[in-house]
PDB file of N, CA and C in Angstrom:
ATOM      1  N   MET A   1     -23.970  -8.910 -38.428  1.00  0.00           N
ATOM      2  CA  MET A   1     -23.389  -8.717 -37.036  1.00  0.00           C
ATOM      3  C   MET A   1     -21.952  -7.866 -36.524  1.00  0.00           C
ATOM      4  N   GLN A   2     -21.791  -7.060 -35.585  1.00  0.00           N
ATOM      5  CA  GLN A   2     -20.474  -6.504 -35.419  1.00  0.00           C
ATOM      6  C   GLN A   2     -19.733  -7.545 -34.303  1.00  0.00           C
ATOM      7  N   ARG A   3     -18.567  -7.486 -34.205  1.00  0.00           N
ATOM      8  CA  ARG A   3     -17.533  -8.187 -33.499  1.00  0.00           C
ATOM      9  C   ARG A   3     -17.108  -7.524 -32.481  1.00  0.00           C
ATOM     10  N   PRO A   4     -17.329  -8.265 -30.998  1.00  0.00           N
ATOM     11  CA  PRO A   4     -16.949  -7.475 -30.108  1.00  0.00           C
ATOM     12  C   PRO A   4     -15.279  -6.844 -29.822  1.00  0.00           C
ATOM     13  N   ARG A   5     -15.332  -5.953 -29.456  1.00  0.00           N
ATOM     14  CA  ARG A   5     -13.922  -5.330 -29.256  1.00  0.00           C
ATOM     15  C   ARG A   5     -12.908  -5.983 -28.180  1.00  0.00           C
ATOM     16  N   ALA A   6     -11.868  -6.329 -28.729  1.00  0.00           N
ATOM     17  CA  ALA A   6     -10.772  -6.823 -27.716  1.00  0.00           C
ATOM     18  C   ALA A   6     -10.311  -6.125 -27.123  1.00  0.00           C
ATOM     19  N   GLN A   7     -10.370  -6.694 -25.918  1.00  0.00           N
ATOM     20  CA  GLN A   7      -9.480  -6.009 -24.847  1.00  0.00           C
ATOM     21  C   GLN A   7      -8.484  -6.678 -24.208  1.00  0.00           C
ATOM     22  N   SER A   8      -7.503  -5.595 -23.335  1.00  0.00           N
ATOM     23  CA  SER A   8      -6.238  -6.520 -23.156  1.00  0.00           C
ATOM     24  C   SER A   8      -6.416  -7.669 -21.634  1.00  0.00           C
ATOM     25  N   VAL A   9      -5.797  -7.971 -21.388  1.00  0.00           N
ATOM     26  CA  VAL A   9      -6.132  -8.859 -20.511  1.00  0.00           C
ATOM     27  C   VAL A   9      -6.308  -8.711 -19.202  1.00  0.00           C
ATOM     28  N   GLY A  10      -5.296  -7.777 -19.035  1.00  0.00           N
ATOM     29  CA  GLY A  10      -5.232  -6.595 -17.857  1.00  0.00           C
ATOM     30  C   GLY A  10      -6.460  -5.664 -17.666  1.00  0.00           C
ATOM     31  N   THR A  11      -7.126  -5.165 -18.721  1.00  0.00           N
ATOM     32  CA  THR A  11      -8.109  -4.640 -18.599  1.00  0.00           C
ATOM     33  C   THR A  11      -9.209  -5.387 -18.113  1.00  0.00           C
ATOM     34  N   VAL A  12      -9.335  -6.371 -18.962  1.00  0.00           N
ATOM     35  CA  VAL A  12     -10.207  -7.318 -18.059  1.00  0.00           C
ATOM     36  C   VAL A  12     -10.300  -7.990 -17.129  1.00  0.00           C
ATOM     37  N   LEU A  13      -8.886  -8.340 -16.552  1.00  0.00           N
ATOM     38  CA  LEU A  13      -8.691  -8.583 -15.205  1.00  0.00           C
ATOM     39  C   LEU A  13      -9.143  -7.390 -14.057  1.00  0.00           C
ATOM     40  N   ALA A  14      -8.759  -6.070 -14.661  1.00  0.00           N
ATOM     41  CA  ALA A  14      -8.746  -4.959 -13.407  1.00  0.00           C
ATOM     42  C   ALA A  14     -10.496  -4.880 -13.283  1.00  0.00           C
ATOM     43  N   SER A  15     -11.396  -4.877 -14.733  1.00  0.00           N
ATOM     44  CA  SER A  15     -12.866  -4.914 -14.558  1.00  0.00           C
ATOM     45  C   SER A  15     -13.624  -6.098 -13.412  1.00  0.00           C
ATOM     46  N   LEU A  16     -12.696  -6.901 -14.040  1.00  0.00           N
ATOM     47  CA  LEU A  16     -13.635  -8.517 -13.028  1.00  0.00           C
ATOM     48  C   LEU A  16     -13.293  -8.153 -11.445  1.00  0.00           C
ATOM     49  N   LEU A  17     -12.044  -8.036 -11.614  1.00  0.00           N
ATOM     50  CA  LEU A  17     -11.624  -7.453  -9.774  1.00  0.00           C
ATOM     51  C   LEU A  17     -12.242  -6.196  -8.966  1.00  0.00           C
ATOM     52  N   GLU A  18     -12.752  -5.447  -9.617  1.00  0.00           N
ATOM     53  CA  GLU A  18     -13.468  -4.704  -9.205  1.00  0.00           C
ATOM     54  C   GLU A  18     -14.862  -5.024  -9.255  1.00  0.00           C
ATOM     55  N   GLU A  19     -15.834  -5.362 -10.013  1.00  0.00           N
ATOM     56  CA  GLU A  19     -16.616  -5.869 -10.105  1.00  0.00           C
ATOM     57  C   GLU A  19     -17.058  -6.940  -8.865  1.00  0.00           C
ATOM     58  N   LEU A  20     -16.240  -7.843  -8.633  1.00  0.00           N
ATOM     59  CA  LEU A  20     -15.839  -8.981  -7.280  1.00  0.00           C
ATOM     60  C   LEU A  20     -15.808  -8.044  -6.062  1.00  0.00           C
ATOM     61  N   GLY A  21     -15.612  -6.719  -6.284  1.00  0.00           N
ATOM     62  CA  GLY A  21     -15.029  -6.004  -4.867  1.00  0.00           C
ATOM     63  C   GLY A  21     -13.969  -6.304  -4.199  1.00  0.00           C
ATOM     64  N   ILE A  22     -12.893  -7.012  -4.818  1.00  0.00           N
ATOM     65  CA  ILE A  22     -11.956  -7.288  -4.315  1.00  0.00           C
ATOM     66  C   ILE A  22     -10.602  -6.944  -4.613  1.00  0.00           C
ATOM     67  N   GLY A  23     -10.778  -5.558  -5.603  1.00  0.00           N
ATOM     68  CA  GLY A  23      -9.556  -4.485  -6.350  1.00  0.00           C
ATOM     69  C   GLY A  23      -9.414  -4.030  -4.907  1.00  0.00           C
ATOM     70  N   LYS A  24      -9.768  -3.159  -4.369  1.00  0.00           N
ATOM     71  CA  LYS A  24      -9.438  -2.143  -3.145  1.00  0.00           C
ATOM     72  C   LYS A  24      -8.364  -3.701  -2.071  1.00  0.00           C
ATOM     73  N   LYS A  25      -9.053  -4.756  -1.790  1.00  0.00           N
ATOM     74  CA  LYS A  25      -8.229  -5.431  -0.775  1.00  0.00           C
ATOM     75  C   LYS A  25      -6.685  -5.732  -1.601  1.00  0.00           C
ATOM     76  N   LEU A  26      -6.599  -5.984  -2.631  1.00  0.00           N
ATOM     77  CA  LEU A  26      -5.607  -5.965  -3.565  1.00  0.00           C
ATOM     78  C   LEU A  26      -4.754  -4.818  -3.316  1.00  0.00           C
ATOM     79  N   LYS A  27      -4.989  -3.848  -3.411  1.00  0.00           N
ATOM     80  CA  LYS A  27      -4.437  -2.334  -3.243  1.00  0.00           C
ATOM     81  C   LYS A  27      -3.789  -2.420  -2.048  1.00  0.00           C
ATOM     82  N   GLN A  28      -4.622  -2.776  -1.077  1.00  0.00           N
ATOM     83  CA  GLN A  28      -4.436  -2.806   0.253  1.00  0.00           C
ATOM     84  C   GLN A  28      -3.078  -3.791   0.374  1.00  0.00           C
ATOM     85  N   TYR A  29      -2.954  -4.797  -0.238  1.00  0.00           N
ATOM     86  CA  TYR A  29      -2.343  -5.969   0.128  1.00  0.00           C
ATOM     87  C   TYR A  29      -0.831  -5.513  -0.421  1.00  0.00           C
ATOM     88  N   GLU A  30      -1.049  -4.569  -1.658  1.00  0.00           N
ATOM     89  CA  GLU A  30      -0.041  -4.244  -2.435  1.00  0.00           C
ATOM     90  C   GLU A  30       0.999  -3.072  -1.921  1.00  0.00           C
ATOM     91  N   ALA A  31       0.265  -2.193  -0.914  1.00  0.00           N
ATOM     92  CA  ALA A  31       0.737  -1.391   0.192  1.00  0.00           C
ATOM     93  C   ALA A  31       1.796  -2.044   1.126  1.00  0.00           C
ATOM     94  N   VAL A  32       1.399  -2.783   1.595  1.00  0.00           N
ATOM     95  CA  VAL A  32       2.408  -3.889   2.383  1.00  0.00           C
ATOM     96  C   VAL A  32       3.479  -4.125   1.969  1.00  0.00           C
ATOM     97  N   ARG A  33       3.225  -4.627   0.737  1.00  0.00           N
ATOM     98  CA  ARG A  33       4.334  -5.343  -0.279  1.00  0.00           C
ATOM     99  C   ARG A  33       5.050  -4.792  -0.565  1.00  0.00           C
ATOM    100  N   ILE A  34       5.037  -3.165  -1.071  1.00  0.00           N
ATOM    101  CA  ILE A  34       6.082  -2.443  -1.255  1.00  0.00           C
ATOM    102  C   ILE A  34       6.507  -1.765  -0.407  1.00  0.00           C
ATOM    103  N   TRP A  35       6.614  -2.018   0.387  1.00  0.00           N
ATOM    104  CA  TRP A  35       6.913  -0.950   2.132  1.00  0.00           C
ATOM    105  C   TRP A  35       8.518  -0.956   1.582  1.00  0.00           C
ATOM    106  N   ARG A  36       9.520  -1.835   1.747  1.00  0.00           N
ATOM    107  CA  ARG A  36      10.524  -1.853   1.331  1.00  0.00           C
ATOM    108  C   ARG A  36      11.316  -1.004   0.206  1.00  0.00           C
ATOM    109  N   ASP A  37      10.175  -1.249  -0.608  1.00  0.00           N
ATOM    110  CA  ASP A  37      10.642  -0.185  -1.924  1.00  0.00           C
ATOM    111  C   ASP A  37      10.408   1.339  -1.524  1.00  0.00           C
ATOM    112  N   VAL A  38       9.428   1.568  -0.956  1.00  0.00           N
ATOM    113  CA  VAL A  38       9.316   2.922  -0.903  1.00  0.00           C
ATOM    114  C   VAL A  38      10.180   3.452   0.311  1.00  0.00           C
ATOM    115  N   VAL A  39      10.271   2.794   1.474  1.00  0.00           N
ATOM    116  CA  VAL A  39      11.025   3.777   2.868  1.00  0.00           C
ATOM    117  C   VAL A  39      12.404   2.979   2.564  1.00  0.00           C
ATOM    118  N   GLY A  40      12.937   2.350   1.916  1.00  0.00           N
ATOM    119  CA  GLY A  40      14.479   1.827   1.781  1.00  0.00           C
ATOM    120  C   GLY A  40      14.579   0.687   2.799  1.00  0.00           C
ATOM    121  N   GLU A  41      15.905   0.571   2.328  1.00  0.00           N
ATOM    122  CA  GLU A  41      16.423  -0.991   3.321  1.00  0.00           C
ATOM    123  C   GLU A  41      16.634  -0.518   4.653  1.00  0.00           C
ATOM    124  N   ARG A  42      17.233   0.542   5.089  1.00  0.00           N
ATOM    125  CA  ARG A  42      17.634   1.191   6.441  1.00  0.00           C
ATOM    126  C   ARG A  42      16.351   0.792   7.215  1.00  0.00           C
ATOM    127  N   ILE A  43      14.886   1.649   6.988  1.00  0.00           N
ATOM    128  CA  ILE A  43      14.259   1.610   7.716  1.00  0.00           C
ATOM    129  C   ILE A  43      13.484   0.402   7.772  1.00  0.00           C
ATOM    130  N   ALA A  44      13.759  -0.532   6.733  1.00  0.00           N
ATOM    131  CA  ALA A  44      12.781  -1.697   6.664  1.00  0.00           C
ATOM    132  C   ALA A  44      13.721  -2.864   7.494  1.00  0.00           C
ATOM    133  N   LYS A  45      14.646  -2.474   7.959  1.00  0.00           N
ATOM    134  CA  LYS A  45      15.659  -3.349   9.081  1.00  0.00           C
ATOM    135  C   LYS A  45      14.498  -3.474  10.168  1.00  0.00           C
ATOM    136  N   VAL A  46      13.899  -2.186  10.577  1.00  0.00           N
ATOM    137  CA  VAL A  46      13.803  -1.547  11.622  1.00  0.00           C
ATOM    138  C   VAL A  46      12.041  -1.757  11.973  1.00  0.00           C
ATOM    139  N   ALA A  47      11.472  -1.517  10.717  1.00  0.00           N
ATOM    140  CA  ALA A  47       9.911  -1.261  10.779  1.00  0.00           C
ATOM    141  C   ALA A  47       9.025  -2.164   9.864  1.00  0.00           C
ATOM    142  N   THR A  48       7.985  -3.187  10.136  1.00  0.00           N
ATOM    143  CA  THR A  48       7.955  -4.183   9.334  1.00  0.00           C
ATOM    144  C   THR A  48       6.184  -4.175   9.272  1.00  0.00           C
ATOM    145  N   PRO A  49       5.640  -3.642   7.962  1.00  0.00           N
ATOM    146  CA  PRO A  49       4.042  -3.421   7.933  1.00  0.00           C
ATOM    147  C   PRO A  49       3.633  -5.070   8.573  1.00  0.00           C
ATOM    148  N   THR A  50       2.452  -5.185   9.171  1.00  0.00           N
ATOM    149  CA  THR A  50       1.676  -6.464   9.364  1.00  0.00           C
ATOM    150  C   THR A  50       0.642  -6.236   8.605  1.00  0.00           C
ATOM    151  N   LYS A  51      -0.518  -5.303   8.597  1.00  0.00           N
ATOM    152  CA  LYS A  51      -1.251  -5.332   7.806  1.00  0.00           C
ATOM    153  C   LYS A  51      -2.263  -3.678   7.650  1.00  0.00           C
ATOM    154  N   ILE A  52      -3.074  -3.949   6.779  1.00  0.00           N
ATOM    155  CA  ILE A  52      -4.043  -2.543   6.587  1.00  0.00           C
ATOM    156  C   ILE A  52      -5.214  -2.614   6.830  1.00  0.00           C
ATOM    157  N   ILE A  53      -5.858  -1.742   7.594  1.00  0.00           N
ATOM    158  CA  ILE A  53      -7.280  -1.817   8.178  1.00  0.00           C
ATOM    159  C   ILE A  53      -7.910  -0.824   7.954  1.00  0.00           C
ATOM    160  N   ASN A  54      -9.159  -0.681   6.757  1.00  0.00           N
ATOM    161  CA  ASN A  54      -9.494   0.974   6.911  1.00  0.00           C
ATOM    162  C   ASN A  54      -8.676   1.734   6.302  1.00  0.00           C
ATOM    163  N   GLY A  55      -7.472   1.594   5.504  1.00  0.00           N
ATOM    164  CA  GLY A  55      -6.786   2.904   5.295  1.00  0.00           C
ATOM    165  C   GLY A  55      -5.471   2.985   6.073  1.00  0.00           C
ATOM    166  N   ILE A  56      -5.457   2.446   7.407  1.00  0.00           N
ATOM    167  CA  ILE A  56      -4.504   2.752   8.335  1.00  0.00           C
ATOM    168  C   ILE A  56      -3.438   1.410   8.339  1.00  0.00           C
ATOM    169  N   LEU A  57      -2.365   1.982   7.851  1.00  0.00           N
ATOM    170  CA  LEU A  57      -1.168   0.829   7.858  1.00  0.00           C
ATOM    171  C   LEU A  57      -0.645   0.371   8.914  1.00  0.00           C
ATOM    172  N   ILE A  58      -0.549  -0.687   9.614  1.00  0.00           N
ATOM    173  CA  ILE A  58      -0.076  -1.288  11.025  1.00  0.00           C
ATOM    174  C   ILE A  58       1.686  -1.708  10.747  1.00  0.00           C
ATOM    175  N   VAL A  59       2.499  -0.647  11.327  1.00  0.00           N
ATOM    176  CA  VAL A  59       3.820  -1.071  11.451  1.00  0.00           C
ATOM    177  C   VAL A  59       4.455  -1.507  12.591  1.00  0.00           C
ATOM    178  N   ARG A  60       4.943  -2.478  12.670  1.00  0.00           N
ATOM    179  CA  ARG A  60       5.624  -2.778  13.978  1.00  0.00           C
ATOM    180  C   ARG A  60       6.961  -2.423  13.698  1.00  0.00           C
ATOM    181  N   VAL A  61       7.601  -1.760  14.773  1.00  0.00           N
ATOM    182  CA  VAL A  61       8.817  -1.125  14.973  1.00  0.00           C
ATOM    183  C   VAL A  61       9.600  -1.578  16.026  1.00  0.00           C
ATOM    184  N   GLU A  62      10.816  -2.011  15.568  1.00  0.00           N
ATOM    185  CA  GLU A  62      11.858  -2.740  17.000  1.00  0.00           C
ATOM    186  C   GLU A  62      11.994  -1.888  18.181  1.00  0.00           C
ATOM    187  N   ARG A  63      12.110  -0.325  18.246  1.00  0.00           N
ATOM    188  CA  ARG A  63      12.973   0.529  18.808  1.00  0.00           C
ATOM    189  C   ARG A  63      12.057   1.623  19.063  1.00  0.00           C
ATOM    190  N   SER A  64      11.786   2.152  20.201  1.00  0.00           N
ATOM    191  CA  SER A  64      11.195   3.067  20.250  1.00  0.00           C
ATOM    192  C   SER A  64      11.686   4.787  19.974  1.00  0.00           C
ATOM    193  N   THR A  65      12.961   4.537  19.782  1.00  0.00           N
ATOM    194  CA  THR A  65      13.771   5.697  19.221  1.00  0.00           C
ATOM    195  C   THR A  65      13.525   5.577  17.705  1.00  0.00           C
ATOM    196  N   TRP A  66      12.934   4.701  16.975  1.00  0.00           N
ATOM    197  CA  TRP A  66      12.786   4.583  15.835  1.00  0.00           C
ATOM    198  C   TRP A  66      11.285   5.067  15.691  1.00  0.00           C
ATOM    199  N   ARG A  67      10.786   4.693  16.315  1.00  0.00           N
ATOM    200  CA  ARG A  67       9.086   4.467  16.226  1.00  0.00           C
ATOM    201  C   ARG A  67       8.929   6.236  16.400  1.00  0.00           C
ATOM    202  N   ASN A  68       9.395   6.932  17.066  1.00  0.00           N
ATOM    203  CA  ASN A  68       9.798   8.280  17.142  1.00  0.00           C
ATOM    204  C   ASN A  68      10.192   9.038  15.919  1.00  0.00           C
ATOM    205  N   GLU A  69      10.893   8.476  15.647  1.00  0.00           N
ATOM    206  CA  GLU A  69      11.793   9.130  14.508  1.00  0.00           C
ATOM    207  C   GLU A  69      10.896   8.831  12.906  1.00  0.00           C
ATOM    208  N   LEU A  70       9.927   7.775  13.075  1.00  0.00           N
ATOM    209  CA  LEU A  70       9.082   7.742  12.173  1.00  0.00           C
ATOM    210  C   LEU A  70       7.536   8.159  11.984  1.00  0.00           C
ATOM    211  N   SER A  71       7.369   8.496  13.331  1.00  0.00           N
ATOM    212  CA  SER A  71       6.125   8.983  13.586  1.00  0.00           C
ATOM    213  C   SER A  71       6.561  10.698  12.990  1.00  0.00           C
ATOM    214  N   LEU A  72       7.762  11.278  12.778  1.00  0.00           N
ATOM    215  CA  LEU A  72       8.223  12.173  12.130  1.00  0.00           C
ATOM    216  C   LEU A  72       7.835  12.580  10.860  1.00  0.00           C
ATOM    217  N   MET A  73       8.027  11.014  10.336  1.00  0.00           N
ATOM    218  CA  MET A  73       8.189  11.020   8.741  1.00  0.00           C
ATOM    219  C   MET A  73       6.756  10.727   8.067  1.00  0.00           C
ATOM    220  N   LYS A  74       5.916  10.366   9.161  1.00  0.00           N
ATOM    221  CA  LYS A  74       4.777  10.044   8.507  1.00  0.00           C
ATOM    222  C   LYS A  74       4.079  10.689   7.475  1.00  0.00           C
ATOM    223  N   ARG A  75       3.770  11.994   7.190  1.00  0.00           N
ATOM    224  CA  ARG A  75       3.073  12.342   6.301  1.00  0.00           C
ATOM    225  C   ARG A  75       3.917  11.969   5.024  1.00  0.00           C
ATOM    226  N   GLU A  76       5.199  12.202   5.115  1.00  0.00           N
ATOM    227  CA  GLU A  76       6.096  11.757   3.736  1.00  0.00           C
ATOM    228  C   GLU A  76       5.979  10.423   3.346  1.00  0.00           C
ATOM    229  N   ILE A  77       6.164   9.520   4.167  1.00  0.00           N
ATOM    230  CA  ILE A  77       6.028   8.135   3.801  1.00  0.00           C
ATOM    231  C   ILE A  77       4.784   7.697   3.204  1.00  0.00           C
ATOM    232  N   ILE A  78       3.557   8.183   4.044  1.00  0.00           N
ATOM    233  CA  ILE A  78       2.187   8.272   3.229  1.00  0.00           C
ATOM    234  C   ILE A  78       2.044   8.594   1.916  1.00  0.00           C
ATOM    235  N   ALA A  79       2.511   9.821   1.705  1.00  0.00           N
ATOM    236  CA  ALA A  79       2.434  10.493  -0.151  1.00  0.00           C
ATOM    237  C   ALA A  79       3.398   9.695  -0.573  1.00  0.00           C
ATOM    238  N   LYS A  80       4.509   9.125   0.023  1.00  0.00           N
ATOM    239  CA  LYS A  80       5.284   8.066  -1.209  1.00  0.00           C
ATOM    240  C   LYS A  80       4.910   7.189  -1.262  1.00  0.00           C
ATOM    241  N   MET A  81       3.961   6.290  -0.552  1.00  0.00           N
ATOM    242  CA  MET A  81       3.309   4.847  -0.635  1.00  0.00           C
ATOM    243  C   MET A  81       2.143   5.235  -1.571  1.00  0.00           C
ATOM    244  N   ASN A  82       1.565   5.864  -1.565  1.00  0.00           N
ATOM    245  CA  ASN A  82       0.252   6.769  -2.336  1.00  0.00           C
ATOM    246  C   ASN A  82       0.288   6.790  -3.995  1.00  0.00           C
ATOM    247  N   ALA A  83       1.884   7.386  -4.222  1.00  0.00           N
ATOM    248  CA  ALA A  83       2.391   7.882  -5.095  1.00  0.00           C
ATOM    249  C   ALA A  83       3.022   6.608  -5.927  1.00  0.00           C
ATOM    250  N   ALA A  84       3.493   5.438  -5.184  1.00  0.00           N
ATOM    251  CA  ALA A  84       3.925   4.322  -5.310  1.00  0.00           C
ATOM    252  C   ALA A  84       2.526   3.410  -5.955  1.00  0.00           C
ATOM    253  N   LEU A  85       1.297   3.684  -5.036  1.00  0.00           N
ATOM    254  CA  LEU A  85       0.017   2.669  -5.365  1.00  0.00           C
ATOM    255  C   LEU A  85      -0.390   3.312  -6.381  1.00  0.00           C
ATOM    256  N   LYS A  86      -0.293   4.849  -6.822  1.00  0.00           N
ATOM    257  CA  LYS A  86      -1.201   5.628  -7.726  1.00  0.00           C
ATOM    258  C   LYS A  86      -2.502   5.961  -7.418  1.00  0.00           C
ATOM    259  N   GLU A  87      -2.767   5.547  -6.136  1.00  0.00           N
ATOM    260  CA  GLU A  87      -4.233   6.016  -5.847  1.00  0.00           C
ATOM    261  C   GLU A  87      -3.827   5.867  -4.232  1.00  0.00           C
ATOM    262  N   GLU A  88      -5.077   6.735  -3.651  1.00  0.00           N
ATOM    263  CA  GLU A  88      -4.864   6.948  -1.891  1.00  0.00           C
ATOM    264  C   GLU A  88      -5.608   5.844  -1.514  1.00  0.00           C
ATOM    265  N   ILE A  89      -4.153   5.018  -0.746  1.00  0.00           N
ATOM    266  CA  ILE A  89      -4.828   3.580   0.074  1.00  0.00           C
ATOM    267  C   ILE A  89      -4.474   3.902   1.161  1.00  0.00           C
ATOM    268  N   VAL A  90      -3.326   4.213   1.526  1.00  0.00           N
ATOM    269  CA  VAL A  90      -3.206   4.701   2.819  1.00  0.00           C
ATOM    270  C   VAL A  90      -3.386   5.911   3.423  1.00  0.00           C
ATOM    271  N   LYS A  91      -4.100   6.238   4.765  1.00  0.00           N
ATOM    272  CA  LYS A  91      -4.838   7.565   4.735  1.00  0.00           C
ATOM    273  C   LYS A  91      -3.912   7.528   6.284  1.00  0.00           C
ATOM    274  N   ASP A  92      -3.317   6.426   6.673  1.00  0.00           N
ATOM    275  CA  ASP A  92      -2.767   6.600   7.926  1.00  0.00           C
ATOM    276  C   ASP A  92      -1.785   5.707   8.470  1.00  0.00           C
ATOM    277  N   ILE A  93      -1.101   6.070   9.704  1.00  0.00           N
ATOM    278  CA  ILE A  93       0.289   4.585   9.936  1.00  0.00           C
ATOM    279  C   ILE A  93       0.255   4.860  10.850  1.00  0.00           C
ATOM    280  N   LYS A  94      -0.089   3.844  11.641  1.00  0.00           N
ATOM    281  CA  LYS A  94       0.398   3.458  13.098  1.00  0.00           C
ATOM    282  C   LYS A  94       1.336   2.561  13.465  1.00  0.00           C
ATOM    283  N   PHE A  95       2.245   3.264  14.266  1.00  0.00           N
ATOM    284  CA  PHE A  95       3.681   2.415  14.207  1.00  0.00           C
ATOM    285  C   PHE A  95       3.358   1.817  16.039  1.00  0.00           C
ATOM    286  N   SER A  96       3.585   0.683  16.296  1.00  0.00           N
ATOM    287  CA  SER A  96       3.649  -0.265  17.536  1.00  0.00           C
ATOM    288  C   SER A  96       4.643  -0.774  17.625  1.00  0.00           C
TER     289      SER A  96
END
């Protein structure tokens, strides 16, 4: 009788999350959680992510001047977010 191959806990957990269909939700939550690390302290003080829906990250911004500035940086922020997540999770950002 052949013994089953041992797998790491991380591998088994990742497989289980995908099988249950919650792996993507966790990645989306991770996008909100890593915002400060990706954009830096200065931007994080004036812009706070609230949620992500269908790949659109919703970010509350304190001032319209910052909203305009961040809109110009949107593509760069999306690229950095997805690089940090190692997957294309953030497709767009809506600043409100």
